[in-house]
Structures are given as C-alpha cells and as structure tokens.
C-alpha atoms as a PDB file:
ATOM      1  CA  UNK A   1      -9.353  13.038   9.496  1.00  0.00           C
ATOM      2  CA  UNK A   2     -10.610  10.116   7.368  1.00  0.00           C
ATOM      3  CA  UNK A   3      -7.818   8.514   5.375  1.00  0.00           C
ATOM      4  CA  UNK A   4      -8.530   5.280   3.515  1.00  0.00           C
ATOM      5  CA  UNK A   5      -6.127   2.782   1.975  1.00  0.00           C
ATOM      6  CA  UNK A   6      -7.439   0.226  -0.508  1.00  0.00           C
ATOM      7  CA  UNK A   7      -5.679  -3.143  -0.394  1.00  0.00           C
ATOM      8  CA  UNK A   8      -5.903  -5.527  -3.350  1.00  0.00           C
ATOM      9  CA  UNK A   9      -4.566  -9.086  -3.186  1.00  0.00           C
ATOM     10  CA  UNK A  10      -3.646 -10.566  -6.570  1.00  0.00           C
ATOM     11  CA  UNK A  11      -2.525 -13.992  -7.773  1.00  0.00           C
ATOM     12  CA  UNK A  12      -1.187 -14.837 -11.243  1.00  0.00           C
ATOM     13  CA  UNK A  13      -2.705 -11.689 -12.700  1.00  0.00           C
ATOM     14  CA  UNK A  14      -1.088  -8.303 -13.285  1.00  0.00           C
ATOM     15  CA  UNK A  15      -2.767  -5.955 -10.863  1.00  0.00           C
ATOM     16  CA  UNK A  16      -3.446  -3.305 -13.490  1.00  0.00           C
ATOM     17  CA  UNK A  17      -5.448  -5.839 -15.528  1.00  0.00           C
ATOM     18  CA  UNK A  18      -7.686  -6.898 -12.630  1.00  0.00           C
ATOM     19  CA  UNK A  19     -11.355  -5.846 -12.449  1.00  0.00           C
ATOM     20  CA  UNK A  20     -10.980  -4.487  -8.923  1.00  0.00           C
ATOM     21  CA  UNK A  21      -8.024  -2.253  -9.781  1.00  0.00           C
ATOM     22  CA  UNK A  22      -9.529  -0.877 -12.978  1.00  0.00           C
ATOM     23  CA  UNK A  23     -12.938  -0.181 -11.484  1.00  0.00           C
ATOM     24  CA  UNK A  24     -11.319   1.384  -8.391  1.00  0.00           C
ATOM     25  CA  UNK A  25      -9.236   3.742 -10.544  1.00  0.00           C
ATOM     26  CA  UNK A  26     -12.319   4.650 -12.591  1.00  0.00           C
ATOM     27  CA  UNK A  27     -14.216   5.436  -9.398  1.00  0.00           C
ATOM     28  CA  UNK A  28     -11.328   7.571  -8.085  1.00  0.00           C
ATOM     29  CA  UNK A  29     -11.331   9.591 -11.301  1.00  0.00           C
ATOM     30  CA  UNK A  30     -15.065  10.188 -10.994  1.00  0.00           C
ATOM     31  CA  UNK A  31     -14.580  11.361  -7.408  1.00  0.00           C
ATOM     32  CA  UNK A  32     -11.731  13.609  -8.512  1.00  0.00           C
ATOM     33  CA  UNK A  33      -9.467  12.706  -5.604  1.00  0.00           C
ATOM     34  CA  UNK A  34      -6.226  10.773  -5.323  1.00  0.00           C
ATOM     35  CA  UNK A  35      -6.524   7.321  -3.751  1.00  0.00           C
ATOM     36  CA  UNK A  36      -3.833   5.100  -2.232  1.00  0.00           C
ATOM     37  CA  UNK A  37      -3.736   1.443  -3.238  1.00  0.00           C
ATOM     38  CA  UNK A  38      -1.588  -1.277  -1.689  1.00  0.00           C
ATOM     39  CA  UNK A  39      -1.073  -4.249  -3.995  1.00  0.00           C
ATOM     40  CA  UNK A  40      -0.035  -7.517  -2.348  1.00  0.00           C
ATOM     41  CA  UNK A  41       0.926  -9.882  -5.153  1.00  0.00           C
ATOM     42  CA  UNK A  42       0.862 -13.564  -4.182  1.00  0.00           C
ATOM     43  CA  UNK A  43       1.953 -14.789  -7.619  1.00  0.00           C
ATOM     44  CA  UNK A  44       4.168 -17.841  -7.085  1.00  0.00           C
ATOM     45  CA  UNK A  45       6.716 -16.919  -9.785  1.00  0.00           C
ATOM     46  CA  UNK A  46      10.176 -15.628  -8.836  1.00  0.00           C
ATOM     47  CA  UNK A  47      10.796 -13.339 -11.824  1.00  0.00           C
ATOM     48  CA  UNK A  48       7.222 -12.075 -12.057  1.00  0.00           C
ATOM     49  CA  UNK A  49       7.118  -8.446 -13.230  1.00  0.00           C
ATOM     50  CA  UNK A  50       3.629  -7.120 -12.631  1.00  0.00           C
ATOM     51  CA  UNK A  51       4.644  -3.556 -13.464  1.00  0.00           C
ATOM     52  CA  UNK A  52       5.609  -4.348 -17.056  1.00  0.00           C
ATOM     53  CA  UNK A  53       3.283  -2.519 -19.394  1.00  0.00           C
ATOM     54  CA  UNK A  54       1.644  -0.429 -16.692  1.00  0.00           C
ATOM     55  CA  UNK A  55       1.400   3.358 -17.071  1.00  0.00           C
ATOM     56  CA  UNK A  56       0.786   5.072 -13.705  1.00  0.00           C
ATOM     57  CA  UNK A  57      -2.242   7.302 -13.312  1.00  0.00           C
ATOM     58  CA  UNK A  58      -2.003  10.655 -11.584  1.00  0.00           C
ATOM     59  CA  UNK A  59      -5.077   9.911  -9.461  1.00  0.00           C
ATOM     60  CA  UNK A  60      -3.559   6.940  -7.647  1.00  0.00           C
ATOM     61  CA  UNK A  61      -0.627   6.234  -5.367  1.00  0.00           C
ATOM     62  CA  UNK A  62       0.541   2.618  -5.425  1.00  0.00           C
ATOM     63  CA  UNK A  63       2.553   0.609  -2.950  1.00  0.00           C
ATOM     64  CA  UNK A  64       3.425  -2.780  -4.413  1.00  0.00           C
ATOM     65  CA  UNK A  65       4.719  -5.927  -2.703  1.00  0.00           C
ATOM     66  CA  UNK A  66       5.377  -9.259  -4.396  1.00  0.00           C
ATOM     67  CA  UNK A  67       5.841 -12.406  -2.329  1.00  0.00           C
ATOM     68  CA  UNK A  68       6.554 -15.410  -4.600  1.00  0.00           C
ATOM     69  CA  UNK A  69       6.165 -17.817  -1.664  1.00  0.00           C
ATOM     70  CA  UNK A  70       2.407 -17.111  -1.805  1.00  0.00           C
ATOM     71  CA  UNK A  71       1.802 -16.898   1.970  1.00  0.00           C
ATOM     72  CA  UNK A  72      -1.944 -16.539   1.423  1.00  0.00           C
ATOM     73  CA  UNK A  73      -4.710 -13.987   1.792  1.00  0.00           C
ATOM     74  CA  UNK A  74      -4.553 -13.720   5.587  1.00  0.00           C
ATOM     75  CA  UNK A  75      -0.856 -12.826   5.522  1.00  0.00           C
ATOM     76  CA  UNK A  76      -1.529 -10.335   2.715  1.00  0.00           C
ATOM     77  CA  UNK A  77      -4.306  -8.590   4.653  1.00  0.00           C
ATOM     78  CA  UNK A  78      -2.178  -8.412   7.801  1.00  0.00           C
ATOM     79  CA  UNK A  79       0.663  -6.888   5.781  1.00  0.00           C
ATOM     80  CA  UNK A  80      -1.670  -4.305   4.267  1.00  0.00           C
ATOM     81  CA  UNK A  81      -2.999  -3.479   7.733  1.00  0.00           C
ATOM     82  CA  UNK A  82       0.514  -2.989   9.113  1.00  0.00           C
ATOM     83  CA  UNK A  83       1.284  -0.609   6.259  1.00  0.00           C
ATOM     84  CA  UNK A  84      -1.939   1.264   7.029  1.00  0.00           C
ATOM     85  CA  UNK A  85      -0.997   1.592  10.683  1.00  0.00           C
ATOM     86  CA  UNK A  86       2.593   2.652   9.974  1.00  0.00           C
ATOM     87  CA  UNK A  87       1.420   5.304   7.492  1.00  0.00           C
ATOM     88  CA  UNK A  88      -1.464   6.585   9.601  1.00  0.00           C
ATOM     89  CA  UNK A  89      -4.438   5.489   7.503  1.00  0.00           C
ATOM     90  CA  UNK A  90      -7.610   5.557   9.586  1.00  0.00           C
ATOM     91  CA  UNK A  91      -9.457   2.947   7.487  1.00  0.00           C
ATOM     92  CA  UNK A  92      -8.601  -0.125   5.408  1.00  0.00           C
ATOM     93  CA  UNK A  93     -10.649  -1.542   2.549  1.00  0.00           C
ATOM     94  CA  UNK A  94      -9.812  -5.091   1.465  1.00  0.00           C
ATOM     95  CA  UNK A  95     -10.474  -6.143  -2.133  1.00  0.00           C
ATOM     96  CA  UNK A  96     -10.210  -9.349  -4.104  1.00  0.00           C
ATOM     97  CA  UNK A  97      -8.785  -9.028  -7.625  1.00  0.00           C
ATOM     98  CA  UNK A  98     -12.050 -10.237  -9.211  1.00  0.00           C
ATOM     99  CA  UNK A  99     -14.441  -7.738  -7.629  1.00  0.00           C
ATOM    100  CA  UNK A 100     -16.182  -5.253  -9.919  1.00  0.00           C
ATOM    101  CA  UNK A 101     -16.825  -1.918  -8.214  1.00  0.00           C
ATOM    102  CA  UNK A 102     -19.513   0.649  -9.093  1.00  0.00           C
ATOM    103  CA  UNK A 103     -18.608   4.154 -10.284  1.00  0.00           C
ATOM    104  CA  UNK A 104     -19.599   5.778  -6.985  1.00  0.00           C
ATOM    105  CA  UNK A 105     -17.580   3.268  -4.923  1.00  0.00           C
ATOM    106  CA  UNK A 106     -15.002   5.772  -3.595  1.00  0.00           C
ATOM    107  CA  UNK A 107     -17.634   8.393  -2.839  1.00  0.00           C
ATOM    108  CA  UNK A 108     -19.866   5.975  -0.930  1.00  0.00           C
ATOM    109  CA  UNK A 109     -16.969   4.518   1.072  1.00  0.00           C
ATOM    110  CA  UNK A 110     -15.668   7.985   1.942  1.00  0.00           C
ATOM    111  CA  UNK A 111     -19.070   8.935   3.343  1.00  0.00           C
ATOM    112  CA  UNK A 112     -19.421   5.708   5.346  1.00  0.00           C
ATOM    113  CA  UNK A 113     -15.903   6.111   6.755  1.00  0.00           C
ATOM    114  CA  UNK A 114     -16.958   9.407   8.292  1.00  0.00           C
ATOM    115  CA  UNK A 115     -19.364   7.697  10.697  1.00  0.00           C
ATOM    116  CA  UNK A 116     -18.380   5.818  13.831  1.00  0.00           C
ATOM    117  CA  UNK A 117     -18.735   2.219  12.592  1.00  0.00           C
ATOM    118  CA  UNK A 118     -15.723   0.045  13.401  1.00  0.00           C
ATOM    119  CA  UNK A 119     -16.436  -2.345  10.540  1.00  0.00           C
ATOM    120  CA  UNK A 120     -18.697  -2.195   7.493  1.00  0.00           C
ATOM    121  CA  UNK A 121     -19.415  -4.403   4.488  1.00  0.00           C
ATOM    122  CA  UNK A 122     -21.078  -3.867   1.093  1.00  0.00           C
ATOM    123  CA  UNK A 123     -23.650  -6.039  -0.638  1.00  0.00           C
ATOM    124  CA  UNK A 124     -21.781  -8.590  -2.763  1.00  0.00           C
ATOM    125  CA  UNK A 125     -23.615 -10.167  -5.680  1.00  0.00           C
ATOM    126  CA  UNK A 126     -22.886 -12.833  -8.244  1.00  0.00           C
ATOM    127  CA  UNK A 127     -25.276 -12.959 -11.205  1.00  0.00           C
ATOM    128  CA  UNK A 128     -27.896 -10.932  -9.306  1.00  0.00           C
ATOM    129  CA  UNK A 129     -27.788 -13.239  -6.275  1.00  0.00           C
ATOM    130  CA  UNK A 130     -26.840 -11.711  -2.924  1.00  0.00           C
ATOM    131  CA  UNK A 131     -23.903 -13.714  -1.569  1.00  0.00           C
ATOM    132  CA  UNK A 132     -22.602 -11.513   1.234  1.00  0.00           C
ATOM    133  CA  UNK A 133     -23.380 -10.649   3.965  1.00  0.00           C
ATOM    134  CA  UNK A 134     -25.121 -13.891   4.720  1.00  0.00           C
ATOM    135  CA  UNK A 135     -26.437 -16.105   7.481  1.00  0.00           C
ATOM    136  CA  UNK A 136     -23.704 -18.156   9.154  1.00  0.00           C
ATOM    137  CA  UNK A 137     -24.616 -21.050  11.443  1.00  0.00           C
ATOM    138  CA  UNK A 138     -22.826 -24.311  12.212  1.00  0.00           C
ATOM    139  CA  UNK A 139     -19.893 -23.104  10.091  1.00  0.00           C
ATOM    140  CA  UNK A 140     -22.121 -22.961   7.004  1.00  0.00           C
ATOM    141  CA  UNK A 141     -23.382 -20.012   4.996  1.00  0.00           C
ATOM    142  CA  UNK A 142     -26.879 -19.442   3.646  1.00  0.00           C
ATOM    143  CA  UNK A 143     -28.168 -16.417   1.803  1.00  0.00           C
ATOM    144  CA  UNK A 144     -30.504 -13.516   2.356  1.00  0.00           C
ATOM    145  CA  UNK A 145     -32.778 -12.601  -0.517  1.00  0.00           C
ATOM    146  CA  UNK A 146     -32.061  -8.969   0.307  1.00  0.00           C
ATOM    147  CA  UNK A 147     -30.853  -6.751   3.147  1.00  0.00           C
ATOM    148  CA  UNK A 148     -32.763  -3.519   3.660  1.00  0.00           C
ATOM    149  CA  UNK A 149     -31.417  -2.345   7.033  1.00  0.00           C
ATOM    150  CA  UNK A 150     -28.295  -0.223   7.520  1.00  0.00           C
ATOM    151  CA  UNK A 151     -26.734  -2.806   9.861  1.00  0.00           C
ATOM    152  CA  UNK A 152     -27.107  -6.453  10.848  1.00  0.00           C
ATOM    153  CA  UNK A 153     -26.111  -8.285  14.036  1.00  0.00           C
ATOM    154  CA  UNK A 154     -22.841 -10.178  13.840  1.00  0.00           C
ATOM    155  CA  UNK A 155     -24.331 -13.092  15.752  1.00  0.00           C
ATOM    156  CA  UNK A 156     -25.180 -15.824  13.210  1.00  0.00           C
ATOM    157  CA  UNK A 157     -24.089 -13.597  10.313  1.00  0.00           C
ATOM    158  CA  UNK A 158     -20.864 -13.195   8.377  1.00  0.00           C
ATOM    159  CA  UNK A 159     -19.440 -11.723   5.174  1.00  0.00           C
ATOM    160  CA  UNK A 160     -16.643 -12.295   2.692  1.00  0.00           C
ATOM    161  CA  UNK A 161     -13.434 -10.286   2.711  1.00  0.00           C
ATOM    162  CA  UNK A 162     -13.763  -8.302  -0.499  1.00  0.00           C
ATOM    163  CA  UNK A 163     -15.177  -4.833   0.029  1.00  0.00           C
ATOM    164  CA  UNK A 164     -14.817  -5.005   3.806  1.00  0.00           C
ATOM    165  CA  UNK A 165     -13.929  -1.668   5.417  1.00  0.00           C
ATOM    166  CA  UNK A 166     -12.492  -1.584   8.915  1.00  0.00           C
ATOM    167  CA  UNK A 167     -10.921   1.018  11.144  1.00  0.00           C
ATOM    168  CA  UNK A 168      -7.193   0.399  11.359  1.00  0.00           C
ATOM    169  CA  UNK A 169      -7.001   0.563  15.144  1.00  0.00           C
ATOM    170  CA  UNK A 170     -10.013  -1.753  15.434  1.00  0.00           C
ATOM    171  CA  UNK A 171      -8.373  -4.264  13.085  1.00  0.00           C
ATOM    172  CA  UNK A 172      -5.429  -4.616  15.457  1.00  0.00           C
ATOM    173  CA  UNK A 173      -7.742  -4.731  18.459  1.00  0.00           C
ATOM    174  CA  UNK A 174      -9.315  -7.891  17.012  1.00  0.00           C
ATOM    175  CA  UNK A 175      -5.931  -9.511  16.378  1.00  0.00           C
ATOM    176  CA  UNK A 176      -6.136  -9.428  12.584  1.00  0.00           C
ATOM    177  CA  UNK A 177      -6.419 -12.447  10.323  1.00  0.00           C
ATOM    178  CA  UNK A 178      -5.293 -15.917  11.397  1.00  0.00           C
ATOM    179  CA  UNK A 179      -2.399 -16.752   9.064  1.00  0.00           C
ATOM    180  CA  UNK A 180      -2.794 -20.499   9.577  1.00  0.00           C
ATOM    181  CA  UNK A 181      -5.795 -20.075   7.253  1.00  0.00           C
ATOM    182  CA  UNK A 182      -4.198 -19.164   3.950  1.00  0.00           C
ATOM    183  CA  UNK A 183      -7.372 -18.857   1.874  1.00  0.00           C
ATOM    184  CA  UNK A 184     -10.502 -20.724   2.919  1.00  0.00           C
ATOM    185  CA  UNK A 185     -12.437 -19.897   6.112  1.00  0.00           C
ATOM    186  CA  UNK A 186     -10.247 -16.873   6.904  1.00  0.00           C
ATOM    187  CA  UNK A 187     -13.142 -14.449   6.397  1.00  0.00           C
ATOM    188  CA  UNK A 188     -15.620 -16.270   8.654  1.00  0.00           C
ATOM    189  CA  UNK A 189     -13.002 -16.965  11.327  1.00  0.00           C
ATOM    190  CA  UNK A 190     -12.064 -13.275  11.361  1.00  0.00           C
ATOM    191  CA  UNK A 191     -15.662 -12.043  11.490  1.00  0.00           C
ATOM    192  CA  UNK A 192     -16.420 -14.490  14.323  1.00  0.00           C
ATOM    193  CA  UNK A 193     -13.642 -12.882  16.398  1.00  0.00           C
ATOM    194  CA  UNK A 194     -14.802  -9.395  15.391  1.00  0.00           C
ATOM    195  CA  UNK A 195     -18.094 -10.351  17.065  1.00  0.00           C
ATOM    196  CA  UNK A 196     -16.257 -10.402  20.403  1.00  0.00           C
ATOM    197  CA  UNK A 197     -15.602  -6.664  20.061  1.00  0.00           C
ATOM    198  CA  UNK A 198     -18.742  -5.276  18.425  1.00  0.00           C
ATOM    199  CA  UNK A 199     -22.315  -6.488  18.056  1.00  0.00           C
ATOM    200  CA  UNK A 200     -23.189  -5.249  14.584  1.00  0.00           C
ATOM    201  CA  UNK A 201     -21.930  -4.989  11.037  1.00  0.00           C
ATOM    202  CA  UNK A 202     -22.610  -1.721   9.219  1.00  0.00           C
ATOM    203  CA  UNK A 203     -24.045  -2.245   5.731  1.00  0.00           C
ATOM    204  CA  UNK A 204     -22.476  -0.070   3.046  1.00  0.00           C
ATOM    205  CA  UNK A 205     -25.229   1.010   0.633  1.00  0.00           C
ATOM    206  CA  UNK A 206     -23.569  -0.147  -2.563  1.00  0.00           C
ATOM    207  CA  UNK A 207     -23.580  -3.240  -4.749  1.00  0.00           C
ATOM    208  CA  UNK A 208     -20.361  -5.025  -5.766  1.00  0.00           C
ATOM    209  CA  UNK A 209     -20.170  -7.843  -8.300  1.00  0.00           C
ATOM    210  CA  UNK A 210     -17.917 -10.806  -7.532  1.00  0.00           C
ATOM    211  CA  UNK A 211     -16.640 -13.390  -9.986  1.00  0.00           C
ATOM    212  CA  UNK A 212     -16.098 -16.718  -8.224  1.00  0.00           C
ATOM    213  CA  UNK A 213     -14.065 -18.394 -10.968  1.00  0.00           C
ATOM    214  CA  UNK A 214     -13.475 -21.508  -8.855  1.00  0.00           C
ATOM    215  CA  UNK A 215     -17.112 -22.466  -9.455  1.00  0.00           C
ATOM    216  CA  UNK A 216     -16.294 -23.290 -13.082  1.00  0.00           C
ATOM    217  CA  UNK A 217     -12.755 -24.673 -12.822  1.00  0.00           C
ATOM    218  CA  UNK A 218     -11.847 -27.700 -14.964  1.00  0.00           C
ATOM    219  CA  UNK A 219     -11.280 -30.867 -12.926  1.00  0.00           C
ATOM    220  CA  UNK A 220      -7.482 -30.601 -12.681  1.00  0.00           C
ATOM    221  CA  UNK A 221      -7.692 -27.054 -11.338  1.00  0.00           C
ATOM    222  CA  UNK A 222     -10.547 -28.026  -9.027  1.00  0.00           C
ATOM    223  CA  UNK A 223      -8.408 -30.837  -7.582  1.00  0.00           C
ATOM    224  CA  UNK A 224      -5.512 -28.436  -7.022  1.00  0.00           C
ATOM    225  CA  UNK A 225      -7.880 -25.962  -5.390  1.00  0.00           C
ATOM    226  CA  UNK A 226      -9.329 -28.733  -3.216  1.00  0.00           C
ATOM    227  CA  UNK A 227      -5.845 -29.665  -2.027  1.00  0.00           C
ATOM    228  CA  UNK A 228      -5.456 -26.120  -0.661  1.00  0.00           C
ATOM    229  CA  UNK A 229      -8.940 -26.311   0.819  1.00  0.00           C
ATOM    230  CA  UNK A 230      -8.060 -29.469   2.769  1.00  0.00           C
ATOM    231  CA  UNK A 231      -5.077 -27.754   4.417  1.00  0.00           C
ATOM    232  CA  UNK A 232      -7.221 -24.827   5.545  1.00  0.00           C
ATOM    233  CA  UNK A 233      -9.989 -27.187   6.622  1.00  0.00           C
ATOM    234  CA  UNK A 234      -7.647 -29.019   8.986  1.00  0.00           C
ATOM    235  CA  UNK A 235      -6.405 -25.715  10.417  1.00  0.00           C
ATOM    236  CA  UNK A 236     -10.001 -24.483  10.799  1.00  0.00           C
ATOM    237  CA  UNK A 237     -10.963 -27.623  12.724  1.00  0.00           C
ATOM    238  CA  UNK A 238      -8.026 -27.091  15.066  1.00  0.00           C
ATOM    239  CA  UNK A 239      -8.860 -23.418  15.634  1.00  0.00           C
ATOM    240  CA  UNK A 240     -12.469 -24.227  16.518  1.00  0.00           C
ATOM    241  CA  UNK A 241     -11.611 -27.412  18.404  1.00  0.00           C
ATOM    242  CA  UNK A 242     -14.675 -29.012  16.851  1.00  0.00           C
ATOM    243  CA  UNK A 243     -13.699 -31.723  14.404  1.00  0.00           C
ATOM    244  CA  UNK A 244     -17.098 -33.451  14.466  1.00  0.00           C
ATOM    245  CA  UNK A 245     -19.259 -30.407  13.722  1.00  0.00           C
ATOM    246  CA  UNK A 246     -16.967 -29.006  11.015  1.00  0.00           C
ATOM    247  CA  UNK A 247     -16.763 -32.450   9.407  1.00  0.00           C
ATOM    248  CA  UNK A 248     -20.553 -32.888   9.454  1.00  0.00           C
ATOM    249  CA  UNK A 249     -21.605 -29.432   8.271  1.00  0.00           C
ATOM    250  CA  UNK A 250     -18.651 -28.345   6.115  1.00  0.00           C
ATOM    251  CA  UNK A 251     -16.213 -31.093   5.145  1.00  0.00           C
ATOM    252  CA  UNK A 252     -18.622 -33.823   4.049  1.00  0.00           C
ATOM    253  CA  UNK A 253     -21.142 -31.622   2.146  1.00  0.00           C
ATOM    254  CA  UNK A 254     -18.325 -29.897   0.240  1.00  0.00           C
ATOM    255  CA  UNK A 255     -16.768 -33.230  -0.713  1.00  0.00           C
ATOM    256  CA  UNK A 256     -20.121 -34.614  -1.890  1.00  0.00           C
ATOM    257  CA  UNK A 257     -20.817 -31.494  -3.959  1.00  0.00           C
ATOM    258  CA  UNK A 258     -17.451 -31.697  -5.751  1.00  0.00           C
ATOM    259  CA  UNK A 259     -17.805 -35.429  -6.365  1.00  0.00           C
ATOM    260  CA  UNK A 260     -21.219 -34.952  -7.946  1.00  0.00           C
ATOM    261  CA  UNK A 261     -20.293 -31.795  -9.842  1.00  0.00           C
ATOM    262  CA  UNK A 262     -17.271 -33.384 -11.531  1.00  0.00           C
ATOM    263  CA  UNK A 263     -18.636 -36.961 -11.495  1.00  0.00           C
ATOM    264  CA  UNK A 264     -15.308 -38.162 -10.177  1.00  0.00           C
ATOM    265  CA  UNK A 265     -14.013 -40.096  -7.169  1.00  0.00           C
ATOM    266  CA  UNK A 266     -10.705 -38.232  -7.375  1.00  0.00           C
ATOM    267  CA  UNK A 267     -11.782 -35.791  -4.653  1.00  0.00           C
ATOM    268  CA  UNK A 268     -12.575 -38.619  -2.241  1.00  0.00           C
ATOM    269  CA  UNK A 269      -9.173 -40.180  -2.950  1.00  0.00           C
ATOM    270  CA  UNK A 270      -7.467 -36.855  -2.353  1.00  0.00           C
ATOM    271  CA  UNK A 271      -9.381 -36.271   0.863  1.00  0.00           C
ATOM    272  CA  UNK A 272      -8.812 -39.652   2.503  1.00  0.00           C
ATOM    273  CA  UNK A 273      -5.845 -41.347   0.823  1.00  0.00           C
END
C-alpha cells in the first residue's frame, strides 16, 4: 500500500506561514484525503514557539520537531526518513519551506508513487526558468531548456532536494544524506551516490516554483551565508578527495561571482584570511 509522508525543513519561519506548507495543505484539501507532514524546524532560537497562532486542519496530521542547534538540512532529512521508516511510510517527499506547490501536487505524487520508481523528481522553476533537474558535470550545474521525457539518466545529471520523492527502503539502501554537509552540496552528493544504485531518475509531471532568496540577500547576509558555504565546501572537497577540481570549477567561480555581484573584496577576505 502506498503511504507518503511529506517532510518540510524550516528555518526562522513558522511552518504554517511557509509557502510549501500552505500550498501542500491546499492540495490535500483538493484531493480530499488526509496527509501526514513532518516538520523539522532548524530555527536557532531556544524558546521558539512555531505552533503559536496555528489552528490545525482536519486534513493534515503533523509531527513537529524543533532543534535549536540547527544541525542542517542533511540531518533534518535523515531524521524525517527515520520517522518514515519507524512509522511504515513507503515513500518520503522532501520539501524546502520556500517551494510553491500546484493544486494537483498530492494527486500527481500519489499516482507516481504507485509505480516502481525508486526515486523521482519534479520540474523546479524559478521565474519560468527550469532549474532542476539539470546537467551536472565537474561538480557544476547547467540547465536544460526543458525536459520532455518521463525519466533521465542519473549519469551527468542531478536535482535539488525540494520535491524529491524516494522510497523509504531505497533511501536507507543509499545511506541517506551525508551530515557533514549541512546545507550546500548535500543534494548533489546524495544524488551522485543514488547513481550507484539506480541508473535513472523518474520525472514527476508537475511544475514547482522555488524562491531562492539567497540570490538577493543584502551584503551582510550574503557574507554570513558564504561563511556557511565555505564550511560545506571544505567538507565536500574532503568527501570527493578532489581539492583541485572542486576549487577550479566550484570554489573560484562562486567567489568571483559574489565579489562582482556585491562589488566587495569582503568575500575574498573571508575565504582566504
């Protein structure tokens, strides 16, 4: 029997105010079935009360966990997966808090879950541009103009985490997410290992809209975000045992882009000093 749990990872936002939660609940109502949602709240505030002001809906069942130490997305996804396994959910769907879901989201995912695909991903857009799945070579992503087929090979392709649906038993077969990567690179590192267990990625025939707010951060927030990026970058280099290639194709281009975007040498100072 197909049984799906939807996992949403939040940070400094009450889950019931997030686009992903609200659009998921709206889709569940349209489907007319009760859905189960696991909220992993990474908000780094001890007395954070995300439930304040929230009125439960009869069409959803919520399991909520708050970890003020903010262990990262990888730890959150692994926790959600363990809950799924312990409570006998056949499939897991991972969602970012800033993903907007279409009205038929639950219906489409329920239908896809009935087939035999171990892992499947939707089409993720930002401002009408297809961002995921995408081409992934030399640790760098580039974009397809469109994807028309119902599956793509995992070799030289990857996808972001949000919207990803995976069979629970298959998730644990792959080893789950690498928790040394708290935020950046965790999706591509995971998908690369998934490629050792299956050759293709099923395409879910639905369009999700993603808001990448980090693209428009003010400089102080961008510097804070870059500090986190550097930590994951170092871990990613160690995992791949390829400092030179990651530096050439990932580290240096990203640093140059930020320096030019913000017209500031602060990123170079943070990276090397």
